[in-house]
C-alpha cells in the first residue's frame, strides 16, 4: 500500500482533458507566453538592480556632502583658523 501511495505522489497526474488540449499550437502558445513572462521578469530584475545601485549612489553622495559640510564648518570656525595660523607659524619658525 505504501508503495502505491509513493508512486502516486511522485508521478504527476494529468487529467484526460488536459491531454486532449495539448496540441502543437497550444503548446507553442504556452511556450511563447512562458518566454515572454521570463523576459519581463528578467527586465524587472535589471530595473530593480539599477534602482538599488542608484539609491546606494545617492546615499553615498548625501554622506559625502554632509562630511564636506562638517569640514567646511570646522574650517570656517574662528578658533580653528587661529589654531591653524599658530601651527603654520610654528612650522615655519622651527624649520
N, C-alpha and C. Protein backbone atom coordinates (compact mmCIF):
# COMPACT_ATOMS: atom_id res chain seq x y z
N UNK A 1 0.83 -1.20 0.00
CA UNK A 1 0.00 0.00 0.00
C UNK A 1 0.86 1.25 0.00
N UNK A 2 1.92 1.25 0.81
CA UNK A 2 2.79 2.42 0.87
C UNK A 2 3.48 2.64 -0.47
N UNK A 3 3.82 1.56 -1.18
CA UNK A 3 4.46 1.69 -2.49
C UNK A 3 3.53 2.34 -3.51
N UNK A 4 2.27 2.03 -3.47
CA UNK A 4 1.30 2.62 -4.39
C UNK A 4 1.15 4.11 -4.11
N UNK A 5 1.05 4.49 -2.84
CA UNK A 5 0.92 5.90 -2.49
C UNK A 5 2.16 6.69 -2.89
N UNK A 6 3.31 6.08 -2.71
CA UNK A 6 4.55 6.76 -3.09
C UNK A 6 4.58 6.98 -4.59
N UNK A 7 4.16 6.01 -5.36
CA UNK A 7 4.15 6.18 -6.81
C UNK A 7 3.18 7.27 -7.22
N UNK A 8 2.06 7.33 -6.58
CA UNK A 8 1.08 8.36 -6.94
C UNK A 8 1.57 9.75 -6.55
N UNK A 9 2.30 9.85 -5.45
CA UNK A 9 2.81 11.15 -5.03
C UNK A 9 3.87 11.64 -6.00
N UNK A 10 4.77 10.76 -6.40
CA UNK A 10 5.89 11.18 -7.24
C UNK A 10 5.56 11.22 -8.71
N UNK A 11 4.51 10.59 -9.14
CA UNK A 11 4.13 10.64 -10.55
C UNK A 11 2.99 11.63 -10.70
N UNK A 12 3.20 12.71 -11.45
CA UNK A 12 2.15 13.73 -11.58
C UNK A 12 0.94 13.18 -12.32
N UNK A 13 -0.21 13.63 -11.90
CA UNK A 13 -1.46 13.20 -12.52
C UNK A 13 -1.82 14.19 -13.61
N UNK A 14 -2.11 13.70 -14.77
CA UNK A 14 -2.52 14.56 -15.88
C UNK A 14 -3.91 14.10 -16.32
N UNK A 15 -4.93 14.93 -16.07
CA UNK A 15 -6.28 14.51 -16.45
C UNK A 15 -6.42 14.38 -17.96
N UNK A 16 -7.34 13.53 -18.41
CA UNK A 16 -7.52 13.32 -19.86
C UNK A 16 -7.88 14.60 -20.61
N UNK A 17 -8.60 15.51 -19.98
CA UNK A 17 -8.98 16.73 -20.69
C UNK A 17 -7.76 17.58 -21.04
N UNK A 18 -6.73 17.56 -20.19
CA UNK A 18 -5.50 18.30 -20.48
C UNK A 18 -4.76 17.63 -21.62
N UNK A 19 -4.74 16.31 -21.62
CA UNK A 19 -4.07 15.60 -22.70
C UNK A 19 -4.72 15.89 -24.05
N UNK A 20 -6.05 16.02 -24.06
CA UNK A 20 -6.74 16.30 -25.31
C UNK A 20 -6.41 17.69 -25.85
N UNK A 21 -6.17 18.66 -24.95
CA UNK A 21 -5.92 20.03 -25.37
C UNK A 21 -4.45 20.31 -25.67
N UNK A 22 -3.60 19.32 -25.52
CA UNK A 22 -2.18 19.53 -25.80
C UNK A 22 -1.92 19.30 -27.28
N UNK A 23 -2.18 20.29 -28.03
CA UNK A 23 -1.88 20.25 -29.46
C UNK A 23 -0.64 21.08 -29.69
N UNK A 24 0.01 20.95 -30.83
CA UNK A 24 1.22 21.74 -31.09
C UNK A 24 0.98 23.25 -31.00
N UNK A 25 -0.17 23.73 -31.46
CA UNK A 25 -0.41 25.17 -31.42
C UNK A 25 -0.57 25.66 -29.98
N UNK A 26 -1.26 24.89 -29.15
CA UNK A 26 -1.44 25.28 -27.75
C UNK A 26 -0.10 25.25 -27.02
N UNK A 27 0.69 24.21 -27.25
CA UNK A 27 1.97 24.13 -26.56
C UNK A 27 2.91 25.23 -27.03
N UNK A 28 2.87 25.59 -28.31
CA UNK A 28 3.72 26.69 -28.77
C UNK A 28 3.23 28.02 -28.19
N UNK A 29 1.92 28.18 -28.03
CA UNK A 29 1.40 29.39 -27.40
C UNK A 29 1.83 29.47 -25.94
N UNK A 30 1.77 28.33 -25.26
CA UNK A 30 2.22 28.29 -23.87
C UNK A 30 3.71 28.60 -23.77
N UNK A 31 4.47 28.04 -24.71
CA UNK A 31 5.91 28.31 -24.71
C UNK A 31 6.19 29.79 -24.93
N UNK A 32 5.49 30.42 -25.85
CA UNK A 32 5.67 31.84 -26.12
C UNK A 32 5.27 32.69 -24.92
N UNK A 33 4.17 32.34 -24.28
CA UNK A 33 3.74 33.08 -23.08
C UNK A 33 4.77 32.94 -21.97
N UNK A 34 5.30 31.73 -21.81
CA UNK A 34 6.33 31.50 -20.80
C UNK A 34 7.59 32.30 -21.12
N UNK A 35 8.00 32.31 -22.39
CA UNK A 35 9.18 33.06 -22.80
C UNK A 35 8.98 34.55 -22.57
N UNK A 36 7.81 35.08 -22.91
CA UNK A 36 7.52 36.50 -22.71
C UNK A 36 7.51 36.84 -21.22
N UNK A 37 6.93 35.96 -20.42
CA UNK A 37 6.91 36.19 -18.97
C UNK A 37 8.33 36.17 -18.40
N UNK A 38 9.13 35.25 -18.87
CA UNK A 38 10.51 35.15 -18.39
C UNK A 38 11.30 36.40 -18.78
N UNK A 39 11.09 36.91 -19.98
CA UNK A 39 11.77 38.14 -20.42
C UNK A 39 11.34 39.33 -19.57
N UNK A 40 10.06 39.42 -19.26
CA UNK A 40 9.60 40.54 -18.44
C UNK A 40 10.14 40.44 -17.02
N UNK A 41 10.27 39.23 -16.50
CA UNK A 41 10.85 39.04 -15.17
C UNK A 41 12.31 39.47 -15.17
N UNK A 42 13.05 39.08 -16.20
CA UNK A 42 14.46 39.46 -16.28
C UNK A 42 14.61 40.98 -16.41
N UNK A 43 13.74 41.62 -17.20
CA UNK A 43 13.78 43.07 -17.34
C UNK A 43 13.47 43.74 -16.01
N UNK A 44 12.53 43.20 -15.27
CA UNK A 44 12.18 43.76 -13.96
C UNK A 44 13.34 43.61 -12.98
N UNK A 45 14.03 42.48 -13.02
CA UNK A 45 15.17 42.27 -12.15
C UNK A 45 16.29 43.26 -12.46
N UNK A 46 16.52 43.52 -13.74
CA UNK A 46 17.54 44.51 -14.13
C UNK A 46 17.14 45.89 -13.64
N UNK A 47 15.87 46.25 -13.79
CA UNK A 47 15.40 47.56 -13.34
C UNK A 47 15.53 47.70 -11.82
N UNK A 48 15.21 46.65 -11.09
CA UNK A 48 15.34 46.68 -9.63
C UNK A 48 16.80 46.82 -9.20
N UNK A 49 17.69 46.12 -9.88
CA UNK A 49 19.11 46.23 -9.56
C UNK A 49 19.63 47.64 -9.86
N UNK A 50 19.19 48.22 -10.98
CA UNK A 50 19.58 49.59 -11.31
C UNK A 50 19.06 50.57 -10.25
N UNK A 51 17.84 50.37 -9.80
CA UNK A 51 17.27 51.24 -8.77
C UNK A 51 18.05 51.11 -7.46
N UNK A 52 18.47 49.89 -7.13
CA UNK A 52 19.25 49.67 -5.92
C UNK A 52 20.59 50.38 -6.01
N UNK A 53 21.24 50.30 -7.17
CA UNK A 53 22.52 50.98 -7.35
C UNK A 53 22.35 52.50 -7.27
N UNK A 54 21.27 53.02 -7.83
CA UNK A 54 21.01 54.46 -7.78
C UNK A 54 20.80 54.92 -6.34
N UNK A 55 20.02 54.18 -5.57
CA UNK A 55 19.80 54.53 -4.16
C UNK A 55 21.11 54.50 -3.38
N UNK A 56 21.94 53.52 -3.66
CA UNK A 56 23.24 53.42 -2.99
C UNK A 56 24.12 54.62 -3.35
N UNK A 57 24.12 55.00 -4.62
CA UNK A 57 24.91 56.15 -5.05
C UNK A 57 24.40 57.43 -4.39
N UNK A 58 23.09 57.60 -4.35
CA UNK A 58 22.52 58.81 -3.73
C UNK A 58 22.83 58.85 -2.24
N UNK A 59 22.78 57.71 -1.56
CA UNK A 59 23.11 57.66 -0.14
C UNK A 59 24.57 58.04 0.09
N UNK A 60 25.46 57.50 -0.75
CA UNK A 60 26.88 57.83 -0.62
C UNK A 60 27.13 59.31 -0.90
N UNK A 61 26.42 59.87 -1.88
CA UNK A 61 26.57 61.30 -2.18
C UNK A 61 26.09 62.17 -1.02
N UNK A 62 24.97 61.79 -0.40
CA UNK A 62 24.49 62.54 0.77
C UNK A 62 25.48 62.48 1.92
N UNK A 63 26.06 61.30 2.14
CA UNK A 63 27.05 61.16 3.21
C UNK A 63 28.28 62.01 2.92
N UNK A 64 28.72 62.03 1.69
CA UNK A 64 29.88 62.84 1.32
C UNK A 64 29.58 64.32 1.49
N UNK A 65 28.39 64.76 1.08
CA UNK A 65 28.02 66.17 1.23
C UNK A 65 27.96 66.57 2.70
N UNK A 66 27.43 65.71 3.54
CA UNK A 66 27.37 66.04 4.97
C UNK A 66 28.78 66.07 5.56
N UNK A 67 29.67 65.17 5.13
CA UNK A 67 31.04 65.18 5.60
C UNK A 67 31.74 66.48 5.18
N UNK A 68 31.53 66.92 3.93
CA UNK A 68 32.13 68.17 3.45
C UNK A 68 31.58 69.35 4.23
N UNK A 69 30.28 69.36 4.51
CA UNK A 69 29.69 70.45 5.29
C UNK A 69 30.30 70.53 6.69
N UNK A 70 30.52 69.38 7.30
CA UNK A 70 31.15 69.38 8.63
C UNK A 70 32.56 69.96 8.56
N UNK A 71 33.32 69.57 7.55
CA UNK A 71 34.68 70.09 7.40
C UNK A 71 34.67 71.58 7.09
N UNK A 72 33.69 72.01 6.30
CA UNK A 72 33.59 73.43 5.97
C UNK A 72 33.29 74.25 7.22
N UNK A 73 32.41 73.75 8.07
CA UNK A 73 32.10 74.46 9.33
C UNK A 73 33.35 74.55 10.20
N UNK A 74 34.08 73.46 10.26
CA UNK A 74 35.31 73.46 11.05
C UNK A 74 36.32 74.45 10.47
N UNK A 75 36.46 74.48 9.17
CA UNK A 75 37.42 75.36 8.52
C UNK A 75 37.03 76.82 8.69
N UNK A 76 35.75 77.12 8.75
CA UNK A 76 35.29 78.50 8.91
C UNK A 76 35.29 78.96 10.36
N UNK A 77 35.41 78.03 11.28
CA UNK A 77 35.39 78.38 12.69
C UNK A 77 36.62 79.23 13.02
N UNK A 78 36.41 80.30 13.76
CA UNK A 78 37.49 81.25 14.06
C UNK A 78 38.58 80.61 14.91
N UNK A 79 38.21 79.79 15.85
CA UNK A 79 39.19 79.12 16.71
C UNK A 79 40.09 78.21 15.88
N UNK A 80 39.51 77.52 14.92
CA UNK A 80 40.29 76.62 14.07
C UNK A 80 41.27 77.42 13.23
N UNK A 81 40.83 78.57 12.71
CA UNK A 81 41.71 79.38 11.87
C UNK A 81 42.88 79.93 12.68
N UNK A 82 42.62 80.34 13.92
CA UNK A 82 43.69 80.83 14.77
C UNK A 82 44.66 79.70 15.09
N UNK A 83 44.14 78.54 15.42
CA UNK A 83 44.98 77.39 15.73
C UNK A 83 45.81 77.01 14.51
N UNK A 84 45.23 77.04 13.35
CA UNK A 84 45.93 76.70 12.12
C UNK A 84 47.04 77.71 11.84
N UNK A 85 46.74 78.98 12.06
CA UNK A 85 47.73 80.02 11.84
C UNK A 85 48.92 79.84 12.79
N UNK A 86 48.63 79.51 14.05
CA UNK A 86 49.69 79.27 15.02
C UNK A 86 50.52 78.06 14.62
N UNK A 87 49.86 77.01 14.17
CA UNK A 87 50.56 75.80 13.75
C UNK A 87 51.45 76.08 12.56
N UNK A 88 50.93 76.81 11.57
CA UNK A 88 51.72 77.14 10.40
C UNK A 88 52.90 78.03 10.78
N UNK A 89 52.68 78.97 11.68
CA UNK A 89 53.75 79.85 12.13
C UNK A 89 54.84 79.05 12.82
N UNK A 90 54.45 78.10 13.67
CA UNK A 90 55.42 77.28 14.35
C UNK A 90 56.22 76.41 13.38
N UNK A 91 55.55 75.93 12.35
CA UNK A 91 56.22 75.08 11.36
C UNK A 91 57.27 75.90 10.63
N UNK A 92 56.92 77.14 10.24
CA UNK A 92 57.88 77.96 9.51
C UNK A 92 59.01 78.45 10.41
N UNK A 93 58.72 78.72 11.66
CA UNK A 93 59.73 79.21 12.59
C UNK A 93 60.73 78.11 12.92
N UNK A 94 60.25 76.89 13.13
CA UNK A 94 61.14 75.79 13.52
C UNK A 94 61.91 75.23 12.35
N UNK A 95 61.50 75.48 11.13
CA UNK A 95 62.22 74.89 10.00
C UNK A 95 63.28 75.79 9.44
